[in-house]
Protein backbone atom coordinates (compact mmCIF):
# COMPACT_ATOMS: atom_id res chain seq x y z
CA MET A 1 89.64 -156.61 -121.75
CA ARG A 2 89.54 -154.51 -124.72
CA VAL A 3 88.93 -150.91 -126.07
CA THR A 4 88.28 -150.33 -130.03
CA PRO A 5 90.15 -147.55 -131.33
CA SER A 6 87.10 -145.54 -131.92
CA THR A 7 86.13 -145.64 -128.30
CA PHE A 8 89.93 -145.05 -127.24
CA ARG A 9 89.66 -141.89 -129.26
CA ARG A 10 86.46 -140.65 -127.47
CA HIS A 11 87.91 -141.53 -124.27
CA LEU A 12 90.90 -139.12 -124.78
CA TYR A 13 88.84 -136.09 -126.12
CA TRP A 14 86.47 -136.43 -123.29
CA LEU A 15 89.29 -136.56 -120.53
CA LYS A 16 91.44 -133.34 -122.59
CA PRO A 17 89.37 -130.74 -121.28
CA LYS A 18 88.67 -132.38 -117.53
CA PHE A 19 92.00 -133.33 -116.64
CA GLU A 20 95.64 -132.70 -117.30
CA LEU A 21 96.88 -135.54 -119.04
CA ILE A 22 100.46 -136.15 -117.73
CA SER A 23 102.90 -139.06 -118.24
CA LEU A 24 103.07 -141.21 -114.98
CA SER A 25 106.53 -140.33 -114.76
CA ASP A 26 105.93 -136.69 -114.77
CA TRP A 27 103.31 -137.22 -111.96
CA VAL A 28 105.81 -139.30 -109.77
CA GLY A 29 108.57 -136.87 -110.45
CA ARG A 30 106.75 -133.85 -108.97
CA ALA A 31 105.21 -136.18 -105.95
CA GLN A 32 108.83 -137.43 -105.28
CA ARG A 33 110.02 -133.88 -105.17
CA GLY A 34 107.07 -132.54 -102.96
CA LYS A 35 105.78 -130.27 -105.95
CA THR A 36 102.26 -128.89 -106.14
CA LEU A 37 100.41 -131.55 -107.99
CA PRO A 38 97.61 -130.88 -110.74
CA LEU A 39 94.19 -130.91 -109.11
CA ARG A 40 93.11 -133.26 -111.81
CA ALA A 41 95.77 -135.08 -113.57
CA CYS A 42 95.21 -138.24 -115.83
CA ALA A 43 97.69 -140.96 -116.67
CA ILE A 44 97.29 -143.24 -119.49
CA THR A 45 98.62 -146.79 -119.14
CA PHE A 46 99.05 -149.95 -120.92
CA ASP A 47 100.05 -153.11 -120.00
CA ASP A 48 101.86 -156.11 -121.82
CA GLY A 49 103.04 -154.81 -124.84
CA TRP A 50 100.61 -155.65 -127.00
CA ARG A 51 100.98 -155.14 -131.04
CA ASP A 52 97.87 -153.28 -131.38
CA ASN A 53 99.18 -150.40 -128.91
CA PHE A 54 101.61 -149.86 -131.81
CA GLU A 55 99.27 -150.25 -134.69
CA PHE A 56 96.13 -148.14 -133.63
CA ALA A 57 96.73 -146.52 -129.98
CA LEU A 58 99.86 -144.56 -131.19
CA PRO A 59 98.33 -143.05 -133.86
CA ILE A 60 95.26 -141.54 -131.64
CA LEU A 61 97.96 -140.58 -128.82
CA ARG A 62 99.78 -138.62 -131.39
CA GLU A 63 96.63 -137.13 -132.66
CA THR A 64 95.70 -136.13 -129.55
CA GLY A 65 99.24 -135.31 -128.13
CA THR A 66 98.39 -137.39 -125.31
CA PRO A 67 101.62 -139.11 -123.12
CA ALA A 68 101.32 -142.45 -122.10
CA THR A 69 103.27 -145.47 -120.56
CA ILE A 70 103.80 -149.07 -121.68
CA PHE A 71 104.53 -151.68 -119.46
CA ALA A 72 106.35 -154.35 -121.39
CA VAL A 73 106.95 -157.63 -120.59
CA SER A 74 110.76 -157.58 -121.35
CA HIS A 75 111.47 -161.28 -122.58
CA MET A 76 108.35 -161.77 -124.58
CA ILE A 77 108.71 -158.78 -126.90
CA GLY A 78 109.35 -159.90 -130.41
CA THR A 79 108.77 -163.17 -129.83
CA GLU A 80 105.80 -165.52 -130.55
CA LYS A 81 104.69 -166.23 -126.90
CA VAL A 82 101.44 -165.19 -125.29
CA PHE A 83 100.00 -165.09 -122.03
CA TRP A 84 98.61 -167.84 -120.49
CA PRO A 85 94.87 -166.27 -119.72
CA ASN A 86 94.61 -165.61 -123.27
CA ARG A 87 96.01 -169.39 -124.20
CA VAL A 88 93.24 -170.39 -121.99
CA ALA A 89 90.73 -168.20 -123.73
CA ARG A 90 91.49 -169.98 -126.85
CA ILE A 91 90.96 -173.36 -125.94
CA LEU A 92 87.82 -172.94 -124.22
CA HIS A 93 86.52 -171.21 -127.61
CA THR A 94 86.54 -174.85 -129.02
CA PRO A 95 85.14 -176.75 -126.07
CA ARG A 96 83.68 -179.53 -128.33
CA ASN A 97 87.33 -180.26 -129.07
CA LEU A 98 88.30 -180.97 -125.31
CA GLU A 99 86.66 -184.32 -124.42
CA GLY A 100 88.78 -186.24 -126.70
CA CYS A 101 91.80 -184.31 -125.53
CA PRO A 102 93.16 -186.33 -122.37
CA SER A 103 95.34 -183.55 -121.17
CA THR A 104 92.21 -180.95 -120.76
CA ILE A 105 90.63 -183.07 -117.59
CA TRP A 106 91.99 -180.61 -115.22
CA LEU A 107 90.46 -177.60 -117.22
CA ARG A 108 87.10 -179.53 -118.09
CA LYS A 109 86.44 -179.68 -114.30
CA LEU A 110 86.64 -175.54 -113.89
CA MET A 111 84.28 -175.43 -116.65
CA PRO A 112 80.48 -174.75 -116.08
CA ALA A 113 78.06 -177.89 -117.21
CA PRO A 114 77.45 -179.06 -119.84
CA SER A 115 81.56 -178.90 -120.84
CA ASN A 116 81.03 -179.09 -124.73
CA ARG A 117 78.91 -176.02 -125.48
CA ALA A 118 80.24 -172.52 -125.90
CA LEU A 119 81.35 -170.47 -122.86
CA THR A 120 80.06 -166.68 -122.47
CA PRO A 121 83.11 -164.37 -122.17
CA GLY A 122 81.83 -164.01 -118.13
CA GLU A 123 82.14 -168.14 -117.73
CA ILE A 124 85.63 -167.81 -119.57
CA SER A 125 86.65 -165.24 -116.91
CA LYS A 126 85.29 -167.38 -114.05
CA VAL A 127 87.57 -170.29 -115.46
CA ILE A 128 90.69 -167.88 -115.93
CA ALA A 129 90.43 -166.77 -112.16
CA ALA A 130 89.91 -170.40 -111.19
CA CYS A 131 93.36 -171.35 -112.97
CA LYS A 132 95.18 -168.64 -110.65
CA THR A 133 95.54 -171.40 -108.01
CA LEU A 134 98.28 -172.87 -110.05
CA MET A 135 101.57 -171.52 -110.23
CA ASP A 136 102.66 -169.95 -113.82
CA ARG A 137 105.38 -172.41 -114.58
CA GLU A 138 102.73 -175.25 -114.13
CA LEU A 139 100.05 -173.49 -116.04
CA SER A 140 102.45 -173.02 -118.98
CA GLU A 141 103.32 -176.79 -119.01
CA ARG A 142 99.72 -177.72 -118.83
CA LEU A 143 98.67 -175.40 -121.34
CA ASP A 144 101.75 -176.85 -123.93
CA GLN A 145 100.59 -180.21 -123.66
CA ILE A 146 96.83 -179.11 -124.46
CA GLU A 147 97.81 -177.13 -127.49
CA LYS A 148 100.05 -179.84 -128.48
CA GLU A 149 96.99 -182.38 -128.48
CA LEU A 150 94.64 -179.70 -130.35
CA GLY A 151 97.13 -178.51 -132.67
CA LEU A 152 97.07 -175.06 -131.51
CA GLU A 153 100.53 -174.38 -131.05
CA SER A 154 100.87 -171.66 -133.30
CA TRP A 155 98.99 -168.29 -133.45
CA PRO A 156 97.91 -166.66 -136.75
CA GLU A 157 99.60 -163.25 -136.25
CA ARG A 158 102.29 -161.83 -133.83
CA PRO A 159 100.37 -160.64 -130.68
CA LEU A 160 103.04 -158.63 -128.97
CA MET A 161 105.35 -155.51 -130.56
CA ASN A 162 108.69 -156.36 -131.35
CA TRP A 163 111.69 -154.33 -130.76
CA ASP A 164 111.50 -152.10 -133.39
CA GLU A 165 108.11 -151.22 -132.66
CA LEU A 166 108.61 -150.74 -129.04
CA TYR A 167 111.28 -148.28 -130.18
CA ALA A 168 109.15 -146.37 -132.29
CA MET A 169 106.84 -145.74 -129.41
CA VAL A 170 109.43 -144.44 -127.42
CA GLU A 171 110.86 -142.38 -130.23
CA SER A 172 107.24 -140.62 -130.54
CA GLY A 173 108.06 -138.52 -127.71
CA LEU A 174 105.07 -139.41 -126.27
CA VAL A 175 105.54 -142.90 -124.89
CA GLU A 176 107.52 -144.16 -121.86
CA ILE A 177 108.39 -147.97 -121.34
CA GLY A 178 107.96 -149.32 -117.78
CA SER A 179 108.99 -152.77 -116.75
CA HIS A 180 106.21 -155.63 -116.53
CA THR A 181 108.63 -158.27 -115.41
CA CYS A 182 110.49 -160.88 -117.81
CA HIS A 183 107.65 -163.32 -118.21
CA HIS A 184 104.80 -161.80 -116.48
CA THR A 185 105.07 -163.95 -113.47
CA ARG A 186 102.88 -163.27 -110.80
CA LEU A 187 104.86 -161.87 -107.71
CA ASN A 188 103.20 -163.42 -104.84
CA ASP A 189 104.00 -165.51 -101.78
CA ALA A 190 104.10 -168.48 -103.90
CA THR A 191 107.10 -167.16 -106.01
CA SER A 192 110.86 -167.97 -104.95
CA ASP A 193 113.08 -165.20 -104.06
CA GLN A 194 115.20 -166.16 -106.82
CA ASP A 195 112.44 -165.95 -109.29
CA ILE A 196 111.40 -162.35 -107.83
CA GLU A 197 114.74 -160.84 -108.00
CA ARG A 198 115.16 -162.41 -111.68
CA GLU A 199 111.61 -160.79 -112.80
CA VAL A 200 112.33 -157.68 -111.32
CA LEU A 201 115.86 -156.87 -112.26
CA GLU A 202 116.42 -158.52 -115.35
CA SER A 203 113.70 -157.02 -117.04
CA GLN A 204 114.62 -153.62 -116.44
CA ARG A 205 117.74 -154.48 -117.39
CA LEU A 206 116.97 -155.97 -120.93
CA LEU A 207 114.64 -152.86 -121.52
CA GLN A 208 117.33 -150.44 -120.86
CA GLU A 209 119.95 -152.47 -122.99
CA ARG A 210 117.52 -152.57 -125.89
CA LEU A 211 115.77 -149.14 -125.71
CA GLY A 212 118.59 -146.91 -124.85
CA ARG A 213 116.65 -145.48 -121.87
CA SER A 214 116.09 -145.42 -118.20
CA VAL A 215 113.41 -147.78 -117.16
CA ARG A 216 112.18 -146.61 -113.52
CA LEU A 217 108.41 -147.73 -113.33
CA PHE A 218 107.20 -151.15 -112.63
CA CYS A 219 103.93 -153.10 -113.15
CA TYR A 220 102.70 -155.92 -111.06
CA PRO A 221 101.44 -158.98 -113.04
CA ASN A 222 98.02 -159.73 -111.90
CA GLY A 223 98.45 -156.98 -109.38
CA ASP A 224 100.25 -159.42 -107.05
CA VAL A 225 102.41 -157.55 -104.38
CA SER A 226 104.46 -159.83 -101.76
CA LEU A 227 106.55 -158.15 -99.47
CA LYS A 228 109.85 -159.55 -101.21
CA SER A 229 108.88 -157.97 -104.56
CA LEU A 230 107.98 -154.95 -103.05
CA ASP A 231 111.12 -154.50 -101.34
CA TRP A 232 112.98 -155.20 -104.58
CA VAL A 233 110.98 -152.49 -106.60
CA GLN A 234 111.32 -150.10 -104.44
CA GLN A 235 114.88 -150.50 -104.31
CA TYR A 236 115.23 -150.18 -108.08
CA TYR A 237 112.05 -148.17 -109.38
CA ASP A 238 111.01 -144.90 -108.67
CA ALA A 239 107.37 -146.12 -108.69
CA ALA A 240 104.94 -149.01 -109.38
CA VAL A 241 101.70 -149.39 -110.37
CA THR A 242 98.95 -152.17 -109.08
CA THR A 243 95.39 -153.43 -110.45
CA SER A 244 93.87 -151.98 -107.10
CA CYS A 245 91.38 -149.44 -108.21
CA GLY A 246 91.12 -146.11 -107.10
CA ILE A 247 92.42 -142.56 -107.32
CA ASN A 248 95.77 -141.57 -105.98
CA THR A 249 96.86 -138.56 -104.01
CA SER A 250 100.41 -137.39 -102.72
CA ALA A 251 99.75 -139.95 -99.50
CA THR A 252 99.21 -142.69 -101.60
CA ASP A 253 102.10 -145.36 -101.66
CA ILE A 254 104.20 -144.36 -104.66
CA HIS A 255 105.21 -148.18 -105.33
CA GLN A 256 101.60 -149.46 -104.96
CA LEU A 257 99.79 -146.86 -107.22
CA MET A 258 96.10 -147.74 -108.18
CA ARG A 259 94.29 -147.32 -111.90
CA ILE A 260 90.95 -147.53 -113.07
CA SER A 261 89.98 -150.37 -115.67
CA ILE A 262 88.87 -149.15 -118.85
CA HIS A 263 87.12 -151.83 -120.91
CA GLU A 264 84.84 -151.24 -123.69
CA ASP A 265 81.49 -151.22 -122.22
CA ILE A 266 82.54 -150.18 -118.75
CA SER A 267 85.07 -147.77 -116.76
CA TYR A 268 85.08 -149.31 -113.45
CA TYR A 269 85.57 -147.14 -110.05
CA GLN A 270 83.93 -147.28 -106.76
CA GLN A 271 84.57 -144.58 -104.23
């Protein structure tokens, strides 16, 4: 799930003459007030708060004058923590080491045979999808043990932005920050009411405190939306985005907005 800087730049220059590139909060504000929406509006969004958003995307946003929204995982900003799918992918890139690691038995059962060969990106994606049957906390604990046994407890570079970088994004005047929960916890029916409340509210509180800005947009991790999480988000945010694919209109639920995923080799949309 990546786009190179050159491809991102090409996307923006392709979009500019065809769409009104607008901030998500601007579009949401117009929709809430019943104002006329642009015939063709496009909002650029980034999930998670990756450091490469600051290093590579921000200069291109400045070059093209394009507004964007970054949905940051508040309690992971400025830390060495990494999201569990990325941890799984790194472990699977060294499959020959797994057979001698007792704590990988459950993971090897999810891998295609033979389990000692290099996996393709598609196969890694399928393993990650299979891991989603486990709760986030259990996944994290299992991966902690595997990384300890394999000596993979640290990353060569800090993957996420720190607070200074995130603040610089905001100060550019082009980037607004939304919440993507505290720890990227999936807000599904298996998540406790207390965890949902904390992930939705504490992330907003910390982002507002550290950035000195109101945070009124939300993004559901993995696109998971339970009725309880939707209720909390509706109370404290003006709008929220999902991972569902589609184009939004004034009739779309403002707290379940759709998006179109962009990857290096494909943009996916089916009407």
